[in-house]
């Protein structure tokens, strides 16, 4: 009887160890999954921020090129830092409004900006900034 009792205690201890191990494995697995998801989300936020910054830099570049040479019409691609900047064709309308639009891509995240201003008085930009 004494032997059976020791065997039962052994099975109880083994079962308890297996249950605790399974719970720990589950908790660790969930932590790893959450950590991986958090890292991926953080990376996406970083790439989005970089794309927005690049689009602003690209728009400034396009405006400087246009104001340096009013015949500049855009329609070019530039590589800046770790991204690609597309200066789309500069558009005009019948009311002397000029629209400059750019798209910046960093690690497959694209940010677009557009600004419209009056060509007769470029100091007064209409506040049409479109962020896409």
N, C-alpha and C. Protein backbone atom coordinates (compact mmCIF):
# COMPACT_ATOMS: atom_id res chain seq x y z
N UNK A 1 0.79 -1.19 0.00
CA UNK A 1 0.00 0.00 0.00
C UNK A 1 0.84 1.26 0.00
N UNK A 2 1.91 1.12 0.69
CA UNK A 2 2.81 2.26 0.77
C UNK A 2 3.37 2.61 -0.61
N UNK A 3 3.65 1.60 -1.42
CA UNK A 3 4.18 1.79 -2.76
C UNK A 3 3.14 2.43 -3.67
N UNK A 4 1.90 2.01 -3.58
CA UNK A 4 0.84 2.58 -4.41
C UNK A 4 0.64 4.05 -4.08
N UNK A 5 0.71 4.38 -2.83
CA UNK A 5 0.53 5.76 -2.41
C UNK A 5 1.64 6.64 -2.98
N UNK A 6 2.88 6.14 -2.98
CA UNK A 6 4.00 6.89 -3.56
C UNK A 6 3.82 7.05 -5.06
N UNK A 7 3.31 6.01 -5.71
CA UNK A 7 3.06 6.07 -7.14
C UNK A 7 1.99 7.10 -7.46
N UNK A 8 0.93 7.13 -6.66
CA UNK A 8 -0.13 8.12 -6.87
C UNK A 8 0.40 9.53 -6.68
N UNK A 9 1.23 9.73 -5.67
CA UNK A 9 1.83 11.05 -5.46
C UNK A 9 2.72 11.43 -6.64
N UNK A 10 3.39 10.43 -7.20
CA UNK A 10 4.23 10.68 -8.37
C UNK A 10 3.41 11.11 -9.57
N UNK A 11 2.26 10.45 -9.78
CA UNK A 11 1.38 10.84 -10.89
C UNK A 11 0.79 12.23 -10.67
N UNK A 12 0.42 12.54 -9.46
CA UNK A 12 -0.12 13.86 -9.14
C UNK A 12 0.94 14.92 -9.40
N UNK A 13 2.15 14.67 -8.95
CA UNK A 13 3.24 15.63 -9.16
C UNK A 13 3.54 15.79 -10.65
N UNK A 14 3.57 14.69 -11.38
CA UNK A 14 3.82 14.74 -12.82
C UNK A 14 2.70 15.49 -13.54
N UNK A 15 1.45 15.19 -13.18
CA UNK A 15 0.30 15.87 -13.80
C UNK A 15 0.34 17.36 -13.50
N UNK A 16 0.64 17.73 -12.27
CA UNK A 16 0.71 19.14 -11.89
C UNK A 16 1.82 19.84 -12.66
N UNK A 17 2.95 19.18 -12.80
CA UNK A 17 4.08 19.75 -13.56
C UNK A 17 3.70 19.94 -15.02
N UNK A 18 3.03 18.97 -15.61
CA UNK A 18 2.61 19.09 -17.01
C UNK A 18 1.60 20.22 -17.19
N UNK A 19 0.66 20.35 -16.27
CA UNK A 19 -0.35 21.42 -16.37
C UNK A 19 0.31 22.79 -16.24
N UNK A 20 1.19 22.94 -15.25
CA UNK A 20 1.89 24.21 -15.07
C UNK A 20 2.76 24.51 -16.29
N UNK A 21 3.43 23.51 -16.83
CA UNK A 21 4.26 23.71 -18.04
C UNK A 21 3.41 24.14 -19.22
N UNK A 22 2.24 23.53 -19.39
CA UNK A 22 1.35 23.89 -20.49
C UNK A 22 0.87 25.33 -20.35
N UNK A 23 0.53 25.73 -19.13
CA UNK A 23 0.08 27.11 -18.89
C UNK A 23 1.22 28.09 -19.17
N UNK A 24 2.42 27.78 -18.70
CA UNK A 24 3.57 28.64 -18.96
C UNK A 24 3.87 28.74 -20.45
N UNK A 25 3.78 27.63 -21.15
CA UNK A 25 4.00 27.63 -22.60
C UNK A 25 2.97 28.51 -23.30
N UNK A 26 1.72 28.43 -22.86
CA UNK A 26 0.66 29.26 -23.44
C UNK A 26 0.93 30.74 -23.19
N UNK A 27 1.30 31.09 -21.97
CA UNK A 27 1.58 32.48 -21.62
C UNK A 27 2.77 33.00 -22.41
N UNK A 28 3.82 32.22 -22.50
CA UNK A 28 5.01 32.64 -23.25
C UNK A 28 4.68 32.79 -24.73
N UNK A 29 3.91 31.88 -25.28
CA UNK A 29 3.52 31.97 -26.70
C UNK A 29 2.73 33.24 -26.96
N UNK A 30 1.79 33.56 -26.09
CA UNK A 30 1.00 34.78 -26.25
C UNK A 30 1.89 36.02 -26.15
N UNK A 31 2.85 36.00 -25.25
CA UNK A 31 3.77 37.13 -25.11
C UNK A 31 4.60 37.33 -26.36
N UNK A 32 5.08 36.23 -26.92
CA UNK A 32 5.87 36.31 -28.15
C UNK A 32 5.03 36.84 -29.30
N UNK A 33 3.79 36.37 -29.41
CA UNK A 33 2.90 36.84 -30.48
C UNK A 33 2.62 38.32 -30.32
N UNK A 34 2.32 38.75 -29.11
CA UNK A 34 2.05 40.18 -28.87
C UNK A 34 3.28 41.02 -29.15
N UNK A 35 4.43 40.55 -28.73
CA UNK A 35 5.67 41.27 -28.97
C UNK A 35 5.93 41.40 -30.46
N UNK A 36 5.71 40.33 -31.19
CA UNK A 36 5.91 40.35 -32.64
C UNK A 36 4.94 41.32 -33.30
N UNK A 37 3.68 41.31 -32.87
CA UNK A 37 2.68 42.22 -33.43
C UNK A 37 3.02 43.66 -33.09
N UNK A 38 3.48 43.91 -31.87
CA UNK A 38 3.86 45.27 -31.47
C UNK A 38 5.03 45.77 -32.29
N UNK A 39 6.00 44.91 -32.52
CA UNK A 39 7.16 45.29 -33.32
C UNK A 39 6.74 45.60 -34.75
N UNK A 40 5.85 44.79 -35.30
CA UNK A 40 5.37 45.02 -36.66
C UNK A 40 4.60 46.33 -36.74
N UNK A 41 3.75 46.60 -35.77
CA UNK A 41 2.98 47.84 -35.74
C UNK A 41 3.92 49.03 -35.61
N UNK A 42 4.91 48.93 -34.75
CA UNK A 42 5.88 50.00 -34.57
C UNK A 42 6.64 50.26 -35.87
N UNK A 43 7.01 49.22 -36.57
CA UNK A 43 7.70 49.37 -37.85
C UNK A 43 6.80 50.06 -38.88
N UNK A 44 5.53 49.69 -38.93
CA UNK A 44 4.60 50.33 -39.85
C UNK A 44 4.44 51.81 -39.52
N UNK A 45 4.35 52.15 -38.25
CA UNK A 45 4.24 53.55 -37.84
C UNK A 45 5.49 54.31 -38.26
N UNK A 46 6.64 53.71 -38.07
CA UNK A 46 7.90 54.34 -38.45
C UNK A 46 7.95 54.60 -39.96
N UNK A 47 7.55 53.62 -40.77
CA UNK A 47 7.56 53.78 -42.22
C UNK A 47 6.55 54.84 -42.65
N UNK A 48 5.39 54.89 -42.01
CA UNK A 48 4.39 55.90 -42.34
C UNK A 48 4.92 57.29 -42.02
N UNK A 49 5.55 57.45 -40.87
CA UNK A 49 6.13 58.73 -40.49
C UNK A 49 7.23 59.14 -41.47
N UNK A 50 8.08 58.20 -41.84
CA UNK A 50 9.14 58.49 -42.81
C UNK A 50 8.54 58.90 -44.16
N UNK A 51 7.46 58.26 -44.57
CA UNK A 51 6.82 58.61 -45.85
C UNK A 51 6.24 60.02 -45.79
N UNK A 52 5.62 60.39 -44.65
CA UNK A 52 5.08 61.74 -44.51
C UNK A 52 6.19 62.79 -44.55
N UNK A 53 7.27 62.52 -43.84
CA UNK A 53 8.41 63.46 -43.84
C UNK A 53 8.98 63.59 -45.24
N UNK A 54 9.13 62.47 -45.93
CA UNK A 54 9.67 62.49 -47.28
C UNK A 54 8.75 63.25 -48.23
N UNK A 55 7.44 63.11 -48.07
CA UNK A 55 6.51 63.83 -48.95
C UNK A 55 6.62 65.34 -48.72
N UNK A 56 6.81 65.77 -47.48
CA UNK A 56 6.99 67.20 -47.20
C UNK A 56 8.30 67.70 -47.82
N UNK A 57 9.36 66.93 -47.68
CA UNK A 57 10.65 67.30 -48.28
C UNK A 57 10.53 67.36 -49.79
N UNK A 58 9.83 66.41 -50.36
CA UNK A 58 9.63 66.35 -51.81
C UNK A 58 8.84 67.56 -52.29
N UNK A 59 7.80 67.93 -51.54
CA UNK A 59 6.99 69.09 -51.93
C UNK A 59 7.82 70.37 -51.86
N UNK A 60 8.63 70.51 -50.82
CA UNK A 60 9.51 71.68 -50.73
C UNK A 60 10.47 71.72 -51.91
N UNK A 61 11.01 70.58 -52.28
CA UNK A 61 11.92 70.50 -53.43
C UNK A 61 11.21 70.93 -54.70
N UNK A 62 10.00 70.43 -54.91
CA UNK A 62 9.23 70.77 -56.12
C UNK A 62 8.92 72.26 -56.16
N UNK A 63 8.54 72.84 -55.03
CA UNK A 63 8.23 74.28 -54.99
C UNK A 63 9.48 75.11 -55.25
N UNK A 64 10.62 74.71 -54.68
CA UNK A 64 11.87 75.44 -54.93
C UNK A 64 12.24 75.37 -56.41
N UNK A 65 12.10 74.19 -57.00
CA UNK A 65 12.41 74.04 -58.43
C UNK A 65 11.48 74.91 -59.27
N UNK A 66 10.20 74.95 -58.91
CA UNK A 66 9.24 75.75 -59.67
C UNK A 66 9.53 77.24 -59.54
N UNK A 67 9.79 77.71 -58.31
CA UNK A 67 10.02 79.14 -58.12
C UNK A 67 11.38 79.57 -58.66
N UNK A 68 12.31 78.64 -58.80
CA UNK A 68 13.60 78.95 -59.42
C UNK A 68 13.44 79.05 -60.93
N UNK A 69 12.60 78.20 -61.49
CA UNK A 69 12.38 78.17 -62.94
C UNK A 69 10.88 77.90 -63.17
N UNK A 70 10.13 78.96 -63.51
CA UNK A 70 8.67 78.83 -63.65
C UNK A 70 8.28 77.93 -64.81
N UNK A 71 9.22 77.57 -65.66
CA UNK A 71 8.89 76.64 -66.75
C UNK A 71 8.98 75.17 -66.27
N UNK A 72 9.43 74.97 -65.04
CA UNK A 72 9.53 73.62 -64.49
C UNK A 72 8.13 73.03 -64.38
N UNK A 73 7.96 71.81 -64.88
CA UNK A 73 6.63 71.17 -64.92
C UNK A 73 6.54 69.87 -64.13
N UNK A 74 7.58 69.55 -63.38
CA UNK A 74 7.52 68.33 -62.57
C UNK A 74 7.65 67.09 -63.41
N UNK A 75 6.82 66.10 -63.13
CA UNK A 75 6.81 64.84 -63.86
C UNK A 75 8.17 64.13 -63.80
N UNK A 76 8.68 63.99 -62.58
CA UNK A 76 9.96 63.32 -62.41
C UNK A 76 9.98 62.52 -61.11
N UNK A 77 10.92 61.60 -61.06
CA UNK A 77 11.10 60.77 -59.87
C UNK A 77 12.46 61.07 -59.29
N UNK A 78 12.49 61.22 -57.98
CA UNK A 78 13.76 61.47 -57.29
C UNK A 78 13.91 60.47 -56.16
N UNK A 79 15.15 60.11 -55.89
CA UNK A 79 15.43 59.23 -54.76
C UNK A 79 16.02 60.08 -53.65
N UNK A 80 15.33 60.08 -52.53
CA UNK A 80 15.78 60.85 -51.37
C UNK A 80 15.87 59.91 -50.18
N UNK A 81 17.01 59.90 -49.51
CA UNK A 81 17.22 59.02 -48.36
C UNK A 81 16.88 57.58 -48.73
N UNK A 82 15.93 56.98 -48.02
CA UNK A 82 15.58 55.58 -48.29
C UNK A 82 14.26 55.46 -49.03
N UNK A 83 13.82 56.54 -49.66
CA UNK A 83 12.53 56.48 -50.33
C UNK A 83 12.57 57.06 -51.72
N UNK A 84 11.42 56.95 -52.38
CA UNK A 84 11.26 57.46 -53.74
C UNK A 84 10.23 58.57 -53.70
N UNK A 85 10.55 59.66 -54.38
CA UNK A 85 9.67 60.81 -54.42
C UNK A 85 9.25 61.05 -55.87
N UNK A 86 7.95 61.05 -56.11
CA UNK A 86 7.43 61.36 -57.44
C UNK A 86 6.83 62.76 -57.42
N UNK A 87 7.38 63.63 -58.25
CA UNK A 87 6.79 64.95 -58.43
C UNK A 87 5.90 64.82 -59.66
N UNK A 88 4.61 64.88 -59.43
CA UNK A 88 3.65 64.69 -60.52
C UNK A 88 3.63 65.93 -61.40
N UNK A 89 3.08 65.84 -62.62
CA UNK A 89 3.03 67.01 -63.49
C UNK A 89 2.33 68.18 -62.80
N UNK A 90 2.96 69.33 -62.86
CA UNK A 90 2.40 70.53 -62.22
C UNK A 90 1.24 71.02 -63.07
N UNK A 91 0.12 71.23 -62.41
CA UNK A 91 -1.09 71.61 -63.12
C UNK A 91 -1.46 73.06 -62.93
N UNK A 92 -2.14 73.60 -63.93
CA UNK A 92 -2.67 74.97 -63.85
C UNK A 92 -4.14 74.95 -64.28
N UNK A 93 -4.85 75.99 -63.90
CA UNK A 93 -6.24 76.11 -64.34
C UNK A 93 -6.45 77.49 -64.96
N UNK A 94 -7.68 77.80 -65.32
CA UNK A 94 -7.99 79.07 -65.98
C UNK A 94 -7.90 80.27 -65.04
N UNK A 95 -7.82 80.04 -63.76
CA UNK A 95 -7.82 81.13 -62.79
C UNK A 95 -6.43 81.41 -62.23
N UNK A 96 -5.40 81.03 -62.92
CA UNK A 96 -4.00 81.25 -62.52
C UNK A 96 -3.61 80.45 -61.28
N UNK A 97 -4.37 79.42 -60.97
CA UNK A 97 -3.99 78.56 -59.84
C UNK A 97 -3.04 77.48 -60.32
N UNK A 98 -2.03 77.26 -59.52
CA UNK A 98 -1.04 76.23 -59.84
C UNK A 98 -1.11 75.17 -58.74
N UNK A 99 -1.12 73.92 -59.15
CA UNK A 99 -1.18 72.81 -58.19
C UNK A 99 0.06 71.95 -58.33
N UNK A 100 0.73 71.77 -57.21
CA UNK A 100 1.91 70.91 -57.15
C UNK A 100 1.54 69.70 -56.28
N UNK A 101 1.71 68.52 -56.83
CA UNK A 101 1.38 67.28 -56.12
C UNK A 101 2.59 66.35 -56.12
N UNK A 102 2.84 65.76 -54.97
CA UNK A 102 3.95 64.82 -54.84
C UNK A 102 3.47 63.55 -54.14
N UNK A 103 4.16 62.47 -54.43
CA UNK A 103 3.92 61.20 -53.74
C UNK A 103 5.27 60.65 -53.30
N UNK A 104 5.35 60.30 -52.05
CA UNK A 104 6.59 59.73 -51.52
C UNK A 104 6.33 58.32 -51.02
N UNK A 105 7.23 57.41 -51.35
CA UNK A 105 7.07 56.01 -50.95
C UNK A 105 8.30 55.55 -50.18
N UNK A 106 8.04 55.02 -48.99
CA UNK A 106 9.10 54.46 -48.15
C UNK A 106 8.64 53.06 -47.73
N UNK A 107 9.39 52.04 -48.11
CA UNK A 107 9.07 50.65 -47.75
C UNK A 107 7.61 50.32 -48.03
N UNK A 108 7.13 50.62 -49.19
CA UNK A 108 5.78 50.34 -49.68
C UNK A 108 4.68 51.16 -49.00
N UNK A 109 5.03 52.15 -48.19
CA UNK A 109 4.05 53.07 -47.62
C UNK A 109 4.13 54.37 -48.42
N UNK A 110 2.98 54.82 -48.95
CA UNK A 110 2.95 56.02 -49.79
C UNK A 110 2.22 57.15 -49.09
N UNK A 111 2.79 58.33 -49.19
CA UNK A 111 2.17 59.54 -48.65
C UNK A 111 2.13 60.57 -49.78
N UNK A 112 0.98 61.19 -49.97
CA UNK A 112 0.83 62.18 -51.05
C UNK A 112 0.47 63.53 -50.45
N UNK A 113 1.02 64.58 -51.05
CA UNK A 113 0.71 65.95 -50.65
C UNK A 113 0.43 66.77 -51.89
N UNK A 114 -0.45 67.74 -51.73
CA UNK A 114 -0.77 68.62 -52.84
C UNK A 114 -0.99 70.02 -52.29
N UNK A 115 -0.49 71.02 -53.00
CA UNK A 115 -0.71 72.41 -52.60
C UNK A 115 -1.10 73.20 -53.85
N UNK A 116 -2.04 74.12 -53.66
CA UNK A 116 -2.49 74.98 -54.75
C UNK A 116 -2.24 76.43 -54.36
N UNK A 117 -1.73 77.22 -55.29
CA UNK A 117 -1.49 78.63 -55.00
C UNK A 117 -1.77 79.47 -56.24
N UNK A 118 -1.93 80.77 -56.03
CA UNK A 118 -2.23 81.72 -57.09
C UNK A 118 -0.92 82.16 -57.74
N UNK A 119 -0.79 81.95 -59.03
CA UNK A 119 0.45 82.28 -59.73
C UNK A 119 0.70 83.78 -59.78
N UNK A 120 -0.37 84.59 -59.71
CA UNK A 120 -0.20 86.04 -59.77
C UNK A 120 0.37 86.58 -58.46
N UNK A 121 0.16 85.88 -57.37
CA UNK A 121 0.70 86.29 -56.08
C UNK A 121 1.12 85.05 -55.29
N UNK A 122 2.27 84.47 -55.64
CA UNK A 122 2.67 83.21 -55.01
C UNK A 122 2.96 83.32 -53.52
N UNK A 123 3.07 84.56 -53.01
CA UNK A 123 3.29 84.73 -51.57
C UNK A 123 2.05 84.30 -50.78
N UNK A 124 0.89 84.39 -51.44
CA UNK A 124 -0.36 84.03 -50.77
C UNK A 124 -0.79 82.66 -51.29
N UNK A 125 -0.39 81.65 -50.59
CA UNK A 125 -0.79 80.30 -50.98
C UNK A 125 -2.17 80.01 -50.41
N UNK A 126 -3.01 79.50 -51.24
CA UNK A 126 -4.30 79.08 -50.71
C UNK A 126 -4.06 77.86 -49.84
N UNK A 127 -4.78 77.77 -48.79
CA UNK A 127 -4.51 76.70 -47.83
C UNK A 127 -5.18 75.40 -48.25
N UNK A 128 -4.83 74.95 -49.43
CA UNK A 128 -5.33 73.67 -49.91
C UNK A 128 -4.18 72.68 -49.85
N UNK A 129 -3.96 72.17 -48.68
CA UNK A 129 -2.96 71.13 -48.49
C UNK A 129 -3.71 69.84 -48.34
N UNK A 130 -3.46 68.94 -49.21
CA UNK A 130 -4.15 67.65 -49.14
C UNK A 130 -3.14 66.59 -48.74
N UNK A 131 -3.44 65.92 -47.68
CA UNK A 131 -2.58 64.82 -47.24
C UNK A 131 -3.34 63.54 -47.47
N UNK A 132 -2.74 62.63 -48.23
CA UNK A 132 -3.42 61.37 -48.55
C UNK A 132 -2.65 60.22 -47.99
